[in-house]
Amino acid sequence: MLVLASASPRRRELLAQVGFTFEVHPANIPEDPLPGEDPIAYVTRLAREKAEAVFSQLCPANEAAEREGLAAQALAVLGADTTVTLDNHILGKPDDAADAMRMLRLLAGRTHRVITGVALVTARRIEVAAEVTAVRFLALSDEEIAAYVATGEPMDKAGAYAIQGRAARWIPRIEGCYFNVVGLPLALVSALLECR
């Protein structure tokens, strides 16, 4: 049984889009970066912690017999975390509209990186990987940014934008996996799942 340790509707849609059957059990862990933590280390750590937390909930460690049983052997938990980085600084989800505007001003007219960490936890092993995509933004006026923020779309997105939404018109070029920018690098995840 495959379990997605994420409440993200985008991740659910992407996994379903490529034909995976799964259940959703969101993990509830703190998502603050550690002091001086590299963005790739940050997202892979969070992905692993999410997957491990949900695996432990569904297959408690104190039930050793169950962990060794068929149910535990068949359980695979997928965790993921996505962040936006500019000059190696992490831009997570905005705190409010002013923070979203700040982030979008930083991204405007520049190329940034979107990094997704993924982790697959099973009774036998833990696999962790990351995908990096470079995203180019056009220059934006304060009026364009304010109008976009007013839609509410940026508020639950790392870097304060959704490439699959209204912000698509400001992104002339990416280098790497498009689905990574949406929130789940499908080719990477498929490779992990096919090897379980």
N, C-alpha and C. Protein backbone atom coordinates (compact mmCIF):
# COMPACT_ATOMS: atom_id res chain seq x y z
N MET A 1 0.84 -1.17 0.00
CA MET A 1 0.00 0.00 0.00
C MET A 1 0.89 1.24 0.00
N LEU A 2 0.62 2.17 -0.92
CA LEU A 2 1.34 3.42 -1.00
C LEU A 2 0.57 4.49 -0.23
N VAL A 3 1.29 5.26 0.60
CA VAL A 3 0.71 6.34 1.38
C VAL A 3 1.48 7.62 1.08
N LEU A 4 0.76 8.68 0.79
CA LEU A 4 1.35 10.00 0.57
C LEU A 4 1.28 10.77 1.88
N ALA A 5 2.45 11.15 2.39
CA ALA A 5 2.52 11.87 3.67
C ALA A 5 2.48 13.38 3.41
N SER A 6 1.43 13.83 2.75
CA SER A 6 1.31 15.25 2.38
C SER A 6 -0.15 15.62 2.24
N ALA A 7 -0.47 16.84 2.68
CA ALA A 7 -1.83 17.35 2.50
C ALA A 7 -1.98 18.13 1.20
N SER A 8 -0.90 18.25 0.43
CA SER A 8 -0.91 19.06 -0.78
C SER A 8 -1.86 18.51 -1.85
N PRO A 9 -2.86 19.28 -2.25
CA PRO A 9 -3.73 18.81 -3.33
C PRO A 9 -2.99 18.66 -4.65
N ARG A 10 -1.95 19.45 -4.85
CA ARG A 10 -1.17 19.35 -6.09
C ARG A 10 -0.42 18.01 -6.15
N ARG A 11 0.14 17.59 -5.04
CA ARG A 11 0.85 16.30 -5.03
C ARG A 11 -0.13 15.15 -5.26
N ARG A 12 -1.30 15.25 -4.65
CA ARG A 12 -2.32 14.20 -4.86
C ARG A 12 -2.70 14.13 -6.34
N GLU A 13 -2.94 15.27 -6.94
CA GLU A 13 -3.33 15.31 -8.36
C GLU A 13 -2.23 14.73 -9.25
N LEU A 14 -0.97 15.08 -8.97
CA LEU A 14 0.13 14.60 -9.80
C LEU A 14 0.30 13.09 -9.68
N LEU A 15 0.26 12.56 -8.46
CA LEU A 15 0.39 11.10 -8.29
C LEU A 15 -0.74 10.36 -9.00
N ALA A 16 -1.95 10.88 -8.86
CA ALA A 16 -3.10 10.25 -9.53
C ALA A 16 -2.98 10.36 -11.05
N GLN A 17 -2.45 11.49 -11.52
CA GLN A 17 -2.32 11.73 -12.96
C GLN A 17 -1.49 10.65 -13.65
N VAL A 18 -0.47 10.14 -12.95
CA VAL A 18 0.39 9.12 -13.57
C VAL A 18 -0.02 7.70 -13.18
N GLY A 19 -1.17 7.57 -12.53
CA GLY A 19 -1.75 6.25 -12.34
C GLY A 19 -1.47 5.54 -11.04
N PHE A 20 -0.87 6.21 -10.06
CA PHE A 20 -0.63 5.54 -8.79
C PHE A 20 -1.90 5.53 -7.95
N THR A 21 -2.12 4.42 -7.25
CA THR A 21 -3.20 4.28 -6.29
C THR A 21 -2.58 4.47 -4.91
N PHE A 22 -3.18 5.32 -4.08
CA PHE A 22 -2.55 5.64 -2.80
C PHE A 22 -3.58 6.18 -1.83
N GLU A 23 -3.20 6.20 -0.57
CA GLU A 23 -3.97 6.86 0.48
C GLU A 23 -3.21 8.09 0.92
N VAL A 24 -3.90 9.02 1.55
CA VAL A 24 -3.27 10.25 2.02
C VAL A 24 -3.32 10.30 3.55
N HIS A 25 -2.17 10.46 4.16
CA HIS A 25 -2.04 10.64 5.61
C HIS A 25 -1.03 11.76 5.82
N PRO A 26 -1.48 13.01 5.93
CA PRO A 26 -0.54 14.12 6.08
C PRO A 26 0.28 14.00 7.36
N ALA A 27 1.54 14.39 7.25
CA ALA A 27 2.43 14.44 8.42
C ALA A 27 2.32 15.83 9.04
N ASN A 28 2.44 15.87 10.34
CA ASN A 28 2.40 17.15 11.04
C ASN A 28 3.72 17.34 11.77
N ILE A 29 4.69 17.93 11.07
CA ILE A 29 6.00 18.17 11.67
C ILE A 29 6.38 19.64 11.46
N PRO A 30 7.25 20.17 12.32
CA PRO A 30 7.72 21.54 12.12
C PRO A 30 8.51 21.63 10.81
N GLU A 31 8.34 22.74 10.09
CA GLU A 31 9.00 22.88 8.79
C GLU A 31 10.02 24.00 8.75
N ASP A 32 10.51 24.40 9.91
CA ASP A 32 11.50 25.47 9.95
C ASP A 32 12.88 24.94 9.59
N PRO A 33 13.63 25.71 8.77
CA PRO A 33 15.00 25.29 8.47
C PRO A 33 15.88 25.38 9.72
N LEU A 34 16.86 24.50 9.79
CA LEU A 34 17.83 24.57 10.86
C LEU A 34 18.81 25.70 10.57
N PRO A 35 19.45 26.28 11.57
CA PRO A 35 20.40 27.37 11.32
C PRO A 35 21.48 26.94 10.34
N GLY A 36 21.65 27.73 9.28
CA GLY A 36 22.68 27.46 8.28
C GLY A 36 22.41 26.27 7.38
N GLU A 37 21.20 25.72 7.42
CA GLU A 37 20.90 24.51 6.65
C GLU A 37 20.83 24.80 5.15
N ASP A 38 21.53 24.00 4.38
CA ASP A 38 21.52 24.09 2.92
C ASP A 38 20.13 23.74 2.41
N PRO A 39 19.64 24.41 1.34
CA PRO A 39 18.28 24.14 0.85
C PRO A 39 18.03 22.67 0.46
N ILE A 40 19.00 22.00 -0.14
CA ILE A 40 18.79 20.59 -0.50
C ILE A 40 18.71 19.73 0.76
N ALA A 41 19.60 20.00 1.72
CA ALA A 41 19.55 19.26 2.99
C ALA A 41 18.22 19.52 3.70
N TYR A 42 17.73 20.74 3.61
CA TYR A 42 16.46 21.12 4.26
C TYR A 42 15.29 20.32 3.69
N VAL A 43 15.12 20.32 2.37
CA VAL A 43 13.95 19.63 1.81
C VAL A 43 14.06 18.11 1.92
N THR A 44 15.26 17.57 1.82
CA THR A 44 15.38 16.11 1.96
C THR A 44 15.17 15.69 3.41
N ARG A 45 15.61 16.51 4.35
CA ARG A 45 15.36 16.21 5.77
C ARG A 45 13.86 16.21 6.05
N LEU A 46 13.16 17.25 5.58
CA LEU A 46 11.72 17.33 5.83
C LEU A 46 10.97 16.18 5.16
N ALA A 47 11.34 15.86 3.93
CA ALA A 47 10.67 14.75 3.23
C ALA A 47 10.84 13.45 4.02
N ARG A 48 12.05 13.21 4.50
CA ARG A 48 12.31 11.99 5.27
C ARG A 48 11.55 12.00 6.60
N GLU A 49 11.58 13.14 7.30
CA GLU A 49 10.87 13.22 8.58
C GLU A 49 9.37 13.00 8.41
N LYS A 50 8.80 13.56 7.35
CA LYS A 50 7.37 13.37 7.08
C LYS A 50 7.06 11.90 6.82
N ALA A 51 7.85 11.28 5.95
CA ALA A 51 7.60 9.87 5.61
C ALA A 51 7.80 8.96 6.82
N GLU A 52 8.85 9.22 7.60
CA GLU A 52 9.11 8.40 8.79
C GLU A 52 8.00 8.57 9.83
N ALA A 53 7.53 9.80 10.02
CA ALA A 53 6.47 10.04 11.00
C ALA A 53 5.20 9.28 10.64
N VAL A 54 4.82 9.33 9.37
CA VAL A 54 3.60 8.63 8.95
C VAL A 54 3.80 7.12 8.99
N PHE A 55 4.98 6.65 8.58
CA PHE A 55 5.25 5.21 8.66
C PHE A 55 5.12 4.73 10.11
N SER A 56 5.68 5.50 11.04
CA SER A 56 5.60 5.13 12.47
C SER A 56 4.16 5.15 12.98
N GLN A 57 3.35 6.10 12.50
CA GLN A 57 1.94 6.14 12.91
C GLN A 57 1.18 4.92 12.41
N LEU A 58 1.46 4.54 11.17
CA LEU A 58 0.72 3.43 10.57
C LEU A 58 1.27 2.07 10.97
N CYS A 59 2.51 2.06 11.42
CA CYS A 59 3.16 0.80 11.78
C CYS A 59 4.04 1.07 13.00
N PRO A 60 3.45 1.18 14.19
CA PRO A 60 4.19 1.60 15.38
C PRO A 60 5.41 0.73 15.66
N ALA A 61 6.50 1.38 16.06
CA ALA A 61 7.77 0.69 16.30
C ALA A 61 7.67 -0.30 17.45
N ASN A 62 6.79 -0.04 18.43
CA ASN A 62 6.69 -0.95 19.58
C ASN A 62 5.93 -2.22 19.25
N GLU A 63 5.41 -2.28 18.05
CA GLU A 63 4.73 -3.51 17.62
C GLU A 63 5.62 -4.23 16.63
N ALA A 64 6.69 -4.80 17.16
CA ALA A 64 7.72 -5.41 16.32
C ALA A 64 7.14 -6.50 15.42
N ALA A 65 6.22 -7.27 15.96
CA ALA A 65 5.63 -8.35 15.16
C ALA A 65 4.89 -7.78 13.95
N GLU A 66 4.18 -6.68 14.17
CA GLU A 66 3.45 -6.08 13.05
C GLU A 66 4.40 -5.52 12.01
N ARG A 67 5.51 -4.93 12.46
CA ARG A 67 6.49 -4.37 11.52
C ARG A 67 7.04 -5.46 10.60
N GLU A 68 7.16 -6.65 11.15
CA GLU A 68 7.69 -7.74 10.35
C GLU A 68 6.61 -8.46 9.56
N GLY A 69 5.35 -8.13 9.85
CA GLY A 69 4.23 -8.79 9.18
C GLY A 69 4.04 -8.32 7.76
N LEU A 70 3.11 -8.95 7.08
CA LEU A 70 2.85 -8.65 5.67
C LEU A 70 2.38 -7.22 5.47
N ALA A 71 1.58 -6.69 6.40
CA ALA A 71 1.08 -5.33 6.25
C ALA A 71 2.23 -4.33 6.23
N ALA A 72 3.16 -4.50 7.16
CA ALA A 72 4.31 -3.59 7.21
C ALA A 72 5.19 -3.75 5.98
N GLN A 73 5.37 -4.99 5.53
CA GLN A 73 6.23 -5.23 4.37
C GLN A 73 5.66 -4.55 3.12
N ALA A 74 4.34 -4.46 3.05
CA ALA A 74 3.71 -3.88 1.86
C ALA A 74 3.58 -2.37 1.94
N LEU A 75 3.77 -1.78 3.12
CA LEU A 75 3.58 -0.36 3.31
C LEU A 75 4.76 0.44 2.76
N ALA A 76 4.45 1.46 1.96
CA ALA A 76 5.45 2.39 1.46
C ALA A 76 4.90 3.80 1.66
N VAL A 77 5.66 4.64 2.35
CA VAL A 77 5.22 6.00 2.62
C VAL A 77 6.11 6.98 1.87
N LEU A 78 5.47 7.85 1.10
CA LEU A 78 6.17 8.85 0.30
C LEU A 78 6.03 10.22 0.96
N GLY A 79 7.16 10.81 1.29
CA GLY A 79 7.18 12.17 1.82
C GLY A 79 7.81 13.10 0.81
N ALA A 80 7.40 14.36 0.82
CA ALA A 80 7.98 15.34 -0.10
C ALA A 80 7.93 16.72 0.52
N ASP A 81 8.88 17.55 0.13
CA ASP A 81 8.88 18.94 0.54
C ASP A 81 9.53 19.77 -0.57
N THR A 82 8.92 20.90 -0.87
CA THR A 82 9.42 21.77 -1.95
C THR A 82 9.74 23.14 -1.39
N THR A 83 10.85 23.71 -1.85
CA THR A 83 11.18 25.07 -1.49
C THR A 83 11.71 25.81 -2.71
N VAL A 84 11.70 27.11 -2.60
CA VAL A 84 12.26 28.00 -3.62
C VAL A 84 13.50 28.63 -3.01
N THR A 85 14.57 28.70 -3.80
CA THR A 85 15.79 29.33 -3.30
C THR A 85 16.27 30.39 -4.28
N LEU A 86 16.76 31.45 -3.71
CA LEU A 86 17.37 32.53 -4.50
C LEU A 86 18.67 32.89 -3.79
N ASP A 87 19.77 32.81 -4.52
CA ASP A 87 21.09 33.05 -3.92
C ASP A 87 21.30 32.17 -2.69
N ASN A 88 20.82 30.94 -2.77
CA ASN A 88 20.95 29.93 -1.72
C ASN A 88 20.17 30.28 -0.45
N HIS A 89 19.24 31.24 -0.52
CA HIS A 89 18.36 31.57 0.61
C HIS A 89 17.01 30.90 0.36
N ILE A 90 16.48 30.27 1.40
CA ILE A 90 15.21 29.56 1.30
C ILE A 90 14.04 30.54 1.36
N LEU A 91 13.14 30.42 0.37
CA LEU A 91 11.90 31.19 0.37
C LEU A 91 10.76 30.19 0.53
N GLY A 92 10.25 30.06 1.72
CA GLY A 92 9.16 29.12 1.98
C GLY A 92 7.82 29.72 1.62
N LYS A 93 6.78 29.26 2.30
CA LYS A 93 5.45 29.82 2.07
C LYS A 93 5.36 31.18 2.75
N PRO A 94 4.71 32.15 2.11
CA PRO A 94 4.64 33.48 2.71
C PRO A 94 3.79 33.50 3.98
N ASP A 95 4.19 34.36 4.91
CA ASP A 95 3.45 34.52 6.17
C ASP A 95 2.16 35.30 5.96
N ASP A 96 2.19 36.26 5.03
CA ASP A 96 1.03 37.11 4.78
C ASP A 96 1.22 37.76 3.41
N ALA A 97 0.30 38.64 3.04
CA ALA A 97 0.34 39.29 1.72
C ALA A 97 1.61 40.11 1.54
N ALA A 98 2.04 40.81 2.58
CA ALA A 98 3.25 41.63 2.47
C ALA A 98 4.47 40.75 2.22
N ASP A 99 4.52 39.60 2.88
CA ASP A 99 5.64 38.67 2.68
C ASP A 99 5.61 38.08 1.27
N ALA A 100 4.42 37.79 0.76
CA ALA A 100 4.29 37.30 -0.61
C ALA A 100 4.80 38.34 -1.61
N MET A 101 4.44 39.60 -1.39
CA MET A 101 4.91 40.67 -2.27
C MET A 101 6.44 40.80 -2.20
N ARG A 102 6.99 40.68 -1.01
CA ARG A 102 8.45 40.75 -0.85
C ARG A 102 9.14 39.65 -1.65
N MET A 103 8.62 38.42 -1.54
CA MET A 103 9.22 37.30 -2.27
C MET A 103 9.13 37.50 -3.78
N LEU A 104 7.98 37.91 -4.25
CA LEU A 104 7.81 38.09 -5.69
C LEU A 104 8.69 39.21 -6.23
N ARG A 105 8.90 40.25 -5.45
CA ARG A 105 9.84 41.30 -5.86
C ARG A 105 11.25 40.75 -5.98
N LEU A 106 11.64 39.87 -5.06
CA LEU A 106 12.96 39.25 -5.13
C LEU A 106 13.12 38.39 -6.38
N LEU A 107 12.07 37.64 -6.74
CA LEU A 107 12.13 36.71 -7.87
C LEU A 107 12.04 37.42 -9.22
N ALA A 108 11.38 38.57 -9.26
CA ALA A 108 11.11 39.27 -10.52
C ALA A 108 12.40 39.58 -11.28
N GLY A 109 12.42 39.20 -12.57
CA GLY A 109 13.55 39.49 -13.44
C GLY A 109 14.77 38.63 -13.21
N ARG A 110 14.63 37.56 -12.43
CA ARG A 110 15.79 36.72 -12.07
C ARG A 110 15.46 35.25 -12.27
N THR A 111 16.50 34.44 -12.19
CA THR A 111 16.36 32.99 -12.22
C THR A 111 16.58 32.46 -10.81
N HIS A 112 15.65 31.61 -10.36
CA HIS A 112 15.77 31.00 -9.04
C HIS A 112 15.71 29.48 -9.20
N ARG A 113 15.90 28.78 -8.10
CA ARG A 113 15.83 27.32 -8.11
C ARG A 113 14.64 26.84 -7.28
N VAL A 114 13.99 25.82 -7.80
CA VAL A 114 12.96 25.12 -7.03
C VAL A 114 13.52 23.73 -6.73
N ILE A 115 13.50 23.38 -5.46
CA ILE A 115 14.07 22.11 -5.02
C ILE A 115 13.00 21.31 -4.29
N THR A 116 12.80 20.09 -4.71
CA THR A 116 11.90 19.18 -4.01
C THR A 116 12.69 17.99 -3.49
N GLY A 117 12.56 17.74 -2.21
CA GLY A 117 13.11 16.54 -1.61
C GLY A 117 12.03 15.49 -1.55
N VAL A 118 12.36 14.26 -1.86
CA VAL A 118 11.41 13.15 -1.75
C VAL A 118 12.05 12.03 -0.94
N ALA A 119 11.22 11.34 -0.19
CA ALA A 119 11.70 10.21 0.61
C ALA A 119 10.67 9.09 0.55
N LEU A 120 11.15 7.88 0.38
CA LEU A 120 10.30 6.70 0.39
C LEU A 120 10.74 5.81 1.54
N VAL A 121 9.82 5.58 2.47
CA VAL A 121 10.11 4.76 3.65
C VAL A 121 9.31 3.48 3.57
N THR A 122 10.01 2.35 3.67
CA THR A 122 9.37 1.04 3.74
C THR A 122 9.97 0.31 4.95
N ALA A 123 9.49 -0.88 5.23
CA ALA A 123 10.04 -1.66 6.35
C ALA A 123 11.48 -2.06 6.08
N ARG A 124 11.87 -2.12 4.81
CA ARG A 124 13.22 -2.59 4.44
C ARG A 124 14.24 -1.48 4.26
N ARG A 125 13.77 -0.29 3.83
CA ARG A 125 14.76 0.74 3.50
C ARG A 125 14.14 2.13 3.49
N ILE A 126 15.04 3.11 3.42
CA ILE A 126 14.65 4.51 3.25
C ILE A 126 15.46 5.06 2.09
N GLU A 127 14.77 5.59 1.10
CA GLU A 127 15.41 6.21 -0.06
C GLU A 127 15.11 7.70 -0.03
N VAL A 128 16.12 8.52 -0.22
CA VAL A 128 15.95 9.97 -0.21
C VAL A 128 16.64 10.54 -1.45
N ALA A 129 15.98 11.49 -2.10
CA ALA A 129 16.55 12.12 -3.30
C ALA A 129 16.01 13.55 -3.42
N ALA A 130 16.60 14.31 -4.32
CA ALA A 130 16.14 15.69 -4.55
C ALA A 130 16.19 15.99 -6.03
N GLU A 131 15.31 16.87 -6.45
CA GLU A 131 15.24 17.35 -7.84
C GLU A 131 15.37 18.88 -7.79
N VAL A 132 16.14 19.42 -8.74
CA VAL A 132 16.36 20.87 -8.80
C VAL A 132 15.96 21.37 -10.19
N THR A 133 15.16 22.43 -10.23
CA THR A 133 14.74 23.05 -11.49
C THR A 133 15.02 24.55 -11.41
N ALA A 134 15.62 25.09 -12.46
CA ALA A 134 15.85 26.53 -12.55
C ALA A 134 14.65 27.18 -13.23
N VAL A 135 14.16 28.26 -12.65
CA VAL A 135 12.96 28.94 -13.16
C VAL A 135 13.29 30.42 -13.38
N ARG A 136 13.02 30.89 -14.59
CA ARG A 136 13.25 32.29 -14.94
C ARG A 136 11.96 33.08 -14.83
N PHE A 137 11.99 34.20 -14.14
CA PHE A 137 10.84 35.10 -14.01
C PHE A 137 11.08 36.35 -14.85
N LEU A 138 10.05 36.86 -15.48
CA LEU A 138 10.12 38.16 -16.14
C LEU A 138 10.14 39.26 -15.08
N ALA A 139 10.53 40.45 -15.49
CA ALA A 139 10.43 41.60 -14.60
C ALA A 139 8.94 41.88 -14.34
N LEU A 140 8.61 42.26 -13.11
CA LEU A 140 7.22 42.51 -12.73
C LEU A 140 7.10 43.88 -12.09
N SER A 141 6.00 44.55 -12.36
CA SER A 141 5.73 45.83 -11.70
C SER A 141 5.10 45.55 -10.34
N ASP A 142 5.14 46.55 -9.46
CA ASP A 142 4.49 46.41 -8.17
C ASP A 142 2.98 46.21 -8.34
N GLU A 143 2.41 46.81 -9.39
CA GLU A 143 0.98 46.65 -9.64
C GLU A 143 0.65 45.21 -10.02
N GLU A 144 1.48 44.61 -10.87
CA GLU A 144 1.27 43.21 -11.25
C GLU A 144 1.38 42.29 -10.03
N ILE A 145 2.38 42.54 -9.22
CA ILE A 145 2.59 41.73 -8.02
C ILE A 145 1.41 41.87 -7.07
N ALA A 146 0.97 43.09 -6.83
CA ALA A 146 -0.15 43.33 -5.90
C ALA A 146 -1.43 42.66 -6.41
N ALA A 147 -1.68 42.76 -7.71
CA ALA A 147 -2.89 42.13 -8.28
C ALA A 147 -2.82 40.61 -8.13
N TYR A 148 -1.64 40.04 -8.33
CA TYR A 148 -1.49 38.59 -8.18
C TYR A 148 -1.69 38.16 -6.72
N VAL A 149 -1.07 38.87 -5.82
CA VAL A 149 -1.21 38.54 -4.39
C VAL A 149 -2.68 38.65 -3.97
N ALA A 150 -3.40 39.62 -4.52
CA ALA A 150 -4.81 39.81 -4.17
C ALA A 150 -5.68 38.63 -4.57
N THR A 151 -5.22 37.80 -5.52
CA THR A 151 -5.99 36.61 -5.90
C THR A 151 -5.96 35.54 -4.81
N GLY A 152 -4.98 35.61 -3.91
CA GLY A 152 -4.82 34.60 -2.87
C GLY A 152 -4.00 33.40 -3.31
N GLU A 153 -3.73 33.26 -4.60
CA GLU A 153 -3.01 32.08 -5.10
C GLU A 153 -1.63 31.89 -4.47
N PRO A 154 -0.87 32.96 -4.20
CA PRO A 154 0.48 32.76 -3.68
C PRO A 154 0.56 32.29 -2.23
N MET A 155 -0.53 32.35 -1.49
CA MET A 155 -0.44 32.25 -0.03
C MET A 155 -0.01 30.90 0.53
N ASP A 156 -0.23 29.81 -0.15
CA ASP A 156 0.20 28.52 0.41
C ASP A 156 1.26 27.86 -0.48
N LYS A 157 2.01 28.69 -1.21
CA LYS A 157 3.00 28.17 -2.15
C LYS A 157 4.41 28.63 -1.76
N ALA A 158 5.36 27.74 -1.81
CA ALA A 158 6.75 28.12 -1.61
C ALA A 158 7.13 29.15 -2.67
N GLY A 159 7.79 30.22 -2.25
CA GLY A 159 8.17 31.26 -3.19
C GLY A 159 7.03 32.17 -3.60
N ALA A 160 5.84 31.93 -3.09
CA ALA A 160 4.66 32.78 -3.31
C ALA A 160 4.16 32.78 -4.75
N TYR A 161 4.28 31.65 -5.44
CA TYR A 161 3.68 31.57 -6.78
C TYR A 161 3.37 30.13 -7.15
N ALA A 162 2.47 29.99 -8.12
CA ALA A 162 2.12 28.67 -8.66
C ALA A 162 2.39 28.69 -10.16
N ILE A 163 3.34 27.88 -10.62
CA ILE A 163 3.67 27.85 -12.04
C ILE A 163 2.49 27.36 -12.87
N GLN A 164 1.63 26.52 -12.27
CA GLN A 164 0.47 25.98 -12.98
C GLN A 164 -0.73 26.92 -12.90
N GLY A 165 -0.54 28.07 -12.26
CA GLY A 165 -1.63 29.03 -12.10
C GLY A 165 -1.37 30.31 -12.88
N ARG A 166 -1.81 31.41 -12.30
CA ARG A 166 -1.72 32.71 -12.97
C ARG A 166 -0.29 33.17 -13.20
N ALA A 167 0.64 32.73 -12.38
CA ALA A 167 2.03 33.15 -12.53
C ALA A 167 2.69 32.57 -13.78
N ALA A 168 2.06 31.60 -14.42
CA ALA A 168 2.64 30.97 -15.62
C ALA A 168 2.99 32.00 -16.69
N ARG A 169 2.25 33.08 -16.78
CA ARG A 169 2.49 34.08 -17.82
C ARG A 169 3.79 34.85 -17.62
N TRP A 170 4.39 34.75 -16.44
CA TRP A 170 5.63 35.46 -16.15
C TRP A 170 6.85 34.55 -16.19
N ILE A 171 6.67 33.30 -16.62
CA ILE A 171 7.77 32.33 -16.59
C ILE A 171 8.07 31.89 -18.03
N PRO A 172 9.02 32.55 -18.69
CA PRO A 172 9.31 32.21 -20.08
C PRO A 172 10.15 30.95 -20.25
N ARG A 173 10.83 30.52 -19.17
CA ARG A 173 11.78 29.41 -19.35
C ARG A 173 12.03 28.70 -18.02
N ILE A 174 12.12 27.39 -18.11
CA ILE A 174 12.62 26.60 -16.98
C ILE A 174 13.67 25.65 -17.51
N GLU A 175 14.56 25.22 -16.63
CA GLU A 175 15.55 24.19 -16.96
C GLU A 175 15.39 23.09 -15.93
N GLY A 176 14.82 21.97 -16.37
CA GLY A 176 14.59 20.87 -15.46
C GLY A 176 13.14 20.41 -15.52
N CYS A 177 12.73 19.73 -14.47
CA CYS A 177 11.42 19.10 -14.41
C CYS A 177 10.32 20.10 -14.04
N TYR A 178 9.35 20.25 -14.95
CA TYR A 178 8.20 21.13 -14.69
C TYR A 178 7.43 20.67 -13.46
N PHE A 179 7.19 19.36 -13.35
CA PHE A 179 6.39 18.83 -12.25
C PHE A 179 7.06 19.06 -10.90
N ASN A 180 8.37 19.17 -10.89
CA ASN A 180 9.10 19.52 -9.67
C ASN A 180 8.65 20.89 -9.18
N VAL A 181 8.45 21.83 -10.10
CA VAL A 181 8.05 23.18 -9.72
C VAL A 181 6.61 23.17 -9.19
N VAL A 182 5.77 22.29 -9.72
CA VAL A 182 4.40 22.16 -9.22
C VAL A 182 4.42 21.55 -7.81
N GLY A 183 5.40 20.68 -7.53
CA GLY A 183 5.51 20.14 -6.17
C GLY A 183 5.89 18.69 -6.05
N LEU A 184 6.02 17.96 -7.19
CA LEU A 184 6.39 16.55 -7.11
C LEU A 184 7.06 16.12 -8.41
N PRO A 185 8.36 15.87 -8.39
CA PRO A 185 9.06 15.45 -9.61
C PRO A 185 8.66 14.01 -9.98
N LEU A 186 7.76 13.89 -10.93
CA LEU A 186 7.12 12.60 -11.20
C LEU A 186 8.08 11.52 -11.69
N ALA A 187 9.03 11.86 -12.54
CA ALA A 187 9.96 10.84 -13.03
C ALA A 187 10.81 10.29 -11.88
N LEU A 188 11.29 11.18 -11.02
CA LEU A 188 12.08 10.75 -9.87
C LEU A 188 11.26 9.89 -8.92
N VAL A 189 10.05 10.33 -8.61
CA VAL A 189 9.18 9.58 -7.71
C VAL A 189 8.82 8.22 -8.32
N SER A 190 8.52 8.20 -9.60
CA SER A 190 8.20 6.92 -10.26
C SER A 190 9.36 5.95 -10.18
N ALA A 191 10.58 6.45 -10.38
CA ALA A 191 11.77 5.57 -10.28
C ALA A 191 11.91 5.01 -8.88
N LEU A 192 11.69 5.83 -7.87
CA LEU A 192 11.76 5.34 -6.49
C LEU A 192 10.70 4.29 -6.21
N LEU A 193 9.48 4.54 -6.66
CA LEU A 193 8.38 3.62 -6.39
C LEU A 193 8.52 2.31 -7.14
N GLU A 194 9.08 2.36 -8.34
CA GLU A 194 9.23 1.13 -9.11
C GLU A 194 10.31 0.22 -8.54
N CYS A 195 11.22 0.77 -7.73
CA CYS A 195 12.31 -0.02 -7.13
C CYS A 195 11.97 -0.54 -5.74
N ARG A 196 10.77 -0.23 -5.23
CA ARG A 196 10.47 -0.62 -3.84
C ARG A 196 10.26 -2.10 -3.70
